[in-house]
């Protein structure tokens, strides 16, 4: 995901009262050391909902970061 997209999503979610943060250097599964920006929030559906509402068409890979999606990342 582009950093600009991640920042826009976090701003949009913040305006909706949903806590989220930008993760600038995420290396997801199969990225072999490459990094990308992502958005971390409690529920991935909030992030993808915000992307649709804000008109952001960017990558939508999701990782639960080793947990049960208490902190999911969309990248």
N, C-alpha and C. Protein backbone atom coordinates (compact mmCIF):
# COMPACT_ATOMS: atom_id res chain seq x y z
N UNK A 1 0.84 -1.17 0.00
CA UNK A 1 0.00 0.00 0.00
C UNK A 1 0.89 1.24 0.00
N UNK A 2 0.47 2.23 -0.70
CA UNK A 2 1.21 3.49 -0.72
C UNK A 2 1.06 4.20 0.62
N UNK A 3 2.13 4.85 1.06
CA UNK A 3 2.11 5.57 2.33
C UNK A 3 1.00 6.62 2.33
N UNK A 4 0.82 7.32 1.22
CA UNK A 4 -0.22 8.34 1.14
C UNK A 4 -1.61 7.74 1.35
N UNK A 5 -1.84 6.54 0.82
CA UNK A 5 -3.12 5.86 1.01
C UNK A 5 -3.32 5.49 2.47
N UNK A 6 -2.28 4.96 3.09
CA UNK A 6 -2.37 4.58 4.51
C UNK A 6 -2.68 5.79 5.37
N UNK A 7 -2.03 6.91 5.12
CA UNK A 7 -2.28 8.12 5.89
C UNK A 7 -3.72 8.62 5.69
N UNK A 8 -4.21 8.55 4.46
CA UNK A 8 -5.58 8.99 4.18
C UNK A 8 -6.60 8.10 4.88
N UNK A 9 -6.34 6.80 4.92
CA UNK A 9 -7.25 5.87 5.59
C UNK A 9 -7.28 6.15 7.10
N UNK A 10 -6.11 6.36 7.70
CA UNK A 10 -6.05 6.65 9.14
C UNK A 10 -6.78 7.95 9.45
N UNK A 11 -6.62 8.96 8.60
CA UNK A 11 -7.34 10.22 8.80
C UNK A 11 -8.85 10.00 8.71
N UNK A 12 -9.29 9.24 7.72
CA UNK A 12 -10.71 8.97 7.54
C UNK A 12 -11.27 8.24 8.76
N UNK A 13 -10.57 7.19 9.19
CA UNK A 13 -11.03 6.44 10.36
C UNK A 13 -11.06 7.31 11.61
N UNK A 14 -10.06 8.15 11.78
CA UNK A 14 -10.02 9.06 12.92
C UNK A 14 -11.23 9.98 12.96
N UNK A 15 -11.63 10.47 11.79
CA UNK A 15 -12.82 11.32 11.70
C UNK A 15 -14.10 10.56 12.03
N UNK A 16 -14.06 9.24 11.91
CA UNK A 16 -15.20 8.40 12.26
C UNK A 16 -15.13 7.90 13.70
N UNK A 17 -14.10 8.32 14.42
CA UNK A 17 -13.95 7.92 15.82
C UNK A 17 -13.33 6.55 16.01
N UNK A 18 -12.64 6.05 14.97
CA UNK A 18 -12.02 4.73 15.03
C UNK A 18 -10.51 4.90 15.11
N UNK A 19 -9.90 4.30 16.12
CA UNK A 19 -8.45 4.40 16.28
C UNK A 19 -7.74 3.51 15.26
N UNK A 20 -6.76 4.07 14.59
CA UNK A 20 -5.94 3.34 13.63
C UNK A 20 -4.61 4.05 13.53
N UNK A 21 -3.61 3.34 13.04
CA UNK A 21 -2.31 3.98 12.87
C UNK A 21 -1.62 3.46 11.62
N UNK A 22 -0.73 4.28 11.10
CA UNK A 22 0.07 3.92 9.93
C UNK A 22 1.24 3.06 10.40
N UNK A 23 1.49 1.99 9.70
CA UNK A 23 2.66 1.14 9.90
C UNK A 23 3.48 1.32 8.63
N UNK A 24 4.60 2.03 8.73
CA UNK A 24 5.33 2.44 7.53
C UNK A 24 6.18 1.36 6.88
N UNK A 25 6.75 0.47 7.63
CA UNK A 25 7.70 -0.50 7.07
C UNK A 25 7.28 -1.94 7.35
N UNK A 26 6.11 -2.33 6.90
CA UNK A 26 5.62 -3.68 7.15
C UNK A 26 6.14 -4.64 6.08
N UNK A 27 6.60 -5.78 6.52
CA UNK A 27 7.04 -6.83 5.61
C UNK A 27 6.12 -8.02 5.80
N UNK A 28 5.17 -8.16 4.90
CA UNK A 28 4.16 -9.21 5.00
C UNK A 28 4.65 -10.54 4.49
N UNK A 29 3.76 -11.51 4.59
CA UNK A 29 4.07 -12.86 4.12
C UNK A 29 4.42 -12.84 2.64
N UNK A 30 5.49 -13.53 2.31
CA UNK A 30 5.89 -13.66 0.93
C UNK A 30 6.52 -12.41 0.33
N UNK A 31 6.84 -11.43 1.16
CA UNK A 31 7.44 -10.20 0.63
C UNK A 31 8.96 -10.27 0.62
N UNK A 32 9.51 -11.28 1.24
CA UNK A 32 10.94 -11.57 1.18
C UNK A 32 11.82 -10.36 1.48
N UNK A 33 11.51 -9.66 2.57
CA UNK A 33 12.32 -8.53 3.00
C UNK A 33 11.89 -7.18 2.48
N UNK A 34 11.04 -7.16 1.46
CA UNK A 34 10.51 -5.88 0.98
C UNK A 34 9.54 -5.34 2.02
N UNK A 35 9.36 -4.03 2.03
CA UNK A 35 8.42 -3.44 2.99
C UNK A 35 7.41 -2.57 2.26
N UNK A 36 6.32 -2.31 2.94
CA UNK A 36 5.25 -1.48 2.42
C UNK A 36 4.56 -0.79 3.59
N UNK A 37 3.77 0.19 3.28
CA UNK A 37 2.96 0.83 4.31
C UNK A 37 1.69 0.02 4.53
N UNK A 38 1.11 0.17 5.70
CA UNK A 38 -0.14 -0.49 6.01
C UNK A 38 -0.88 0.30 7.07
N UNK A 39 -2.09 -0.17 7.37
CA UNK A 39 -2.91 0.46 8.41
C UNK A 39 -3.22 -0.60 9.45
N UNK A 40 -2.96 -0.26 10.71
CA UNK A 40 -3.23 -1.16 11.82
C UNK A 40 -4.46 -0.65 12.56
N UNK A 41 -5.41 -1.54 12.75
CA UNK A 41 -6.62 -1.21 13.52
C UNK A 41 -7.15 -2.51 14.11
N UNK A 42 -8.11 -2.39 14.99
CA UNK A 42 -8.64 -3.56 15.67
C UNK A 42 -9.35 -4.53 14.75
N UNK A 43 -10.04 -4.02 13.74
CA UNK A 43 -10.82 -4.88 12.86
C UNK A 43 -10.52 -4.52 11.41
N UNK A 44 -10.11 -5.51 10.63
CA UNK A 44 -9.75 -5.25 9.24
C UNK A 44 -10.92 -4.73 8.43
N UNK A 45 -12.14 -5.14 8.76
CA UNK A 45 -13.29 -4.67 7.99
C UNK A 45 -13.48 -3.16 8.12
N UNK A 46 -13.08 -2.57 9.24
CA UNK A 46 -13.15 -1.12 9.38
C UNK A 46 -12.21 -0.44 8.39
N UNK A 47 -11.06 -1.03 8.19
CA UNK A 47 -10.08 -0.45 7.27
C UNK A 47 -10.58 -0.55 5.84
N UNK A 48 -11.04 -1.72 5.44
CA UNK A 48 -11.51 -1.88 4.06
C UNK A 48 -12.78 -1.07 3.82
N UNK A 49 -13.63 -0.92 4.83
CA UNK A 49 -14.81 -0.06 4.72
C UNK A 49 -14.37 1.38 4.46
N UNK A 50 -13.39 1.85 5.23
CA UNK A 50 -12.90 3.22 5.06
C UNK A 50 -12.30 3.41 3.68
N UNK A 51 -11.60 2.41 3.18
CA UNK A 51 -11.00 2.51 1.85
C UNK A 51 -12.09 2.73 0.80
N UNK A 52 -13.16 1.98 0.91
CA UNK A 52 -14.26 2.13 -0.04
C UNK A 52 -14.94 3.47 0.08
N UNK A 53 -15.20 3.91 1.30
CA UNK A 53 -15.86 5.20 1.53
C UNK A 53 -15.00 6.38 1.08
N UNK A 54 -13.68 6.26 1.24
CA UNK A 54 -12.77 7.34 0.86
C UNK A 54 -12.33 7.26 -0.60
N UNK A 55 -12.78 6.23 -1.31
CA UNK A 55 -12.42 6.08 -2.72
C UNK A 55 -10.98 5.69 -2.94
N UNK A 56 -10.39 4.95 -1.99
CA UNK A 56 -8.99 4.53 -2.11
C UNK A 56 -8.97 3.10 -2.64
N UNK A 57 -8.41 2.93 -3.82
CA UNK A 57 -8.31 1.60 -4.43
C UNK A 57 -6.84 1.20 -4.41
N UNK A 58 -6.44 0.54 -3.35
CA UNK A 58 -5.05 0.16 -3.16
C UNK A 58 -5.05 -1.29 -2.68
N UNK A 59 -3.90 -1.83 -2.45
CA UNK A 59 -3.76 -3.21 -2.01
C UNK A 59 -4.63 -3.49 -0.79
N UNK A 60 -5.16 -4.71 -0.68
CA UNK A 60 -6.00 -5.08 0.46
C UNK A 60 -5.62 -6.43 1.04
N UNK A 61 -4.35 -6.65 1.21
CA UNK A 61 -3.91 -7.87 1.88
C UNK A 61 -4.06 -7.66 3.38
N UNK A 62 -4.46 -8.71 4.08
CA UNK A 62 -4.71 -8.61 5.52
C UNK A 62 -3.86 -9.64 6.25
N UNK A 63 -3.32 -9.23 7.40
CA UNK A 63 -2.55 -10.13 8.25
C UNK A 63 -2.97 -9.86 9.69
N UNK A 64 -3.11 -10.93 10.45
CA UNK A 64 -3.51 -10.77 11.85
C UNK A 64 -2.32 -10.54 12.76
N UNK A 65 -1.14 -10.40 12.19
CA UNK A 65 0.10 -10.10 12.93
C UNK A 65 0.35 -11.10 14.06
N UNK A 66 0.02 -12.36 13.82
CA UNK A 66 0.30 -13.41 14.78
C UNK A 66 -0.71 -13.54 15.90
N UNK A 67 -1.79 -12.79 15.84
CA UNK A 67 -2.79 -12.84 16.91
C UNK A 67 -4.14 -13.23 16.36
N UNK A 68 -5.16 -12.84 17.10
CA UNK A 68 -6.53 -13.17 16.69
C UNK A 68 -7.24 -11.94 16.14
N UNK A 69 -6.50 -11.09 15.48
CA UNK A 69 -6.98 -9.87 14.83
C UNK A 69 -7.40 -8.81 15.83
N UNK A 70 -6.79 -8.83 17.00
CA UNK A 70 -6.96 -7.69 17.91
C UNK A 70 -6.27 -6.49 17.28
N UNK A 71 -5.15 -6.72 16.65
CA UNK A 71 -4.47 -5.70 15.87
C UNK A 71 -4.20 -6.28 14.48
N UNK A 72 -5.10 -6.01 13.55
CA UNK A 72 -4.93 -6.46 12.18
C UNK A 72 -4.26 -5.36 11.38
N UNK A 73 -3.59 -5.79 10.31
CA UNK A 73 -2.99 -4.82 9.39
C UNK A 73 -3.51 -5.11 7.99
N UNK A 74 -3.88 -4.05 7.30
CA UNK A 74 -4.22 -4.13 5.89
C UNK A 74 -3.10 -3.41 5.17
N UNK A 75 -2.53 -4.09 4.18
CA UNK A 75 -1.38 -3.52 3.47
C UNK A 75 -1.47 -3.77 2.00
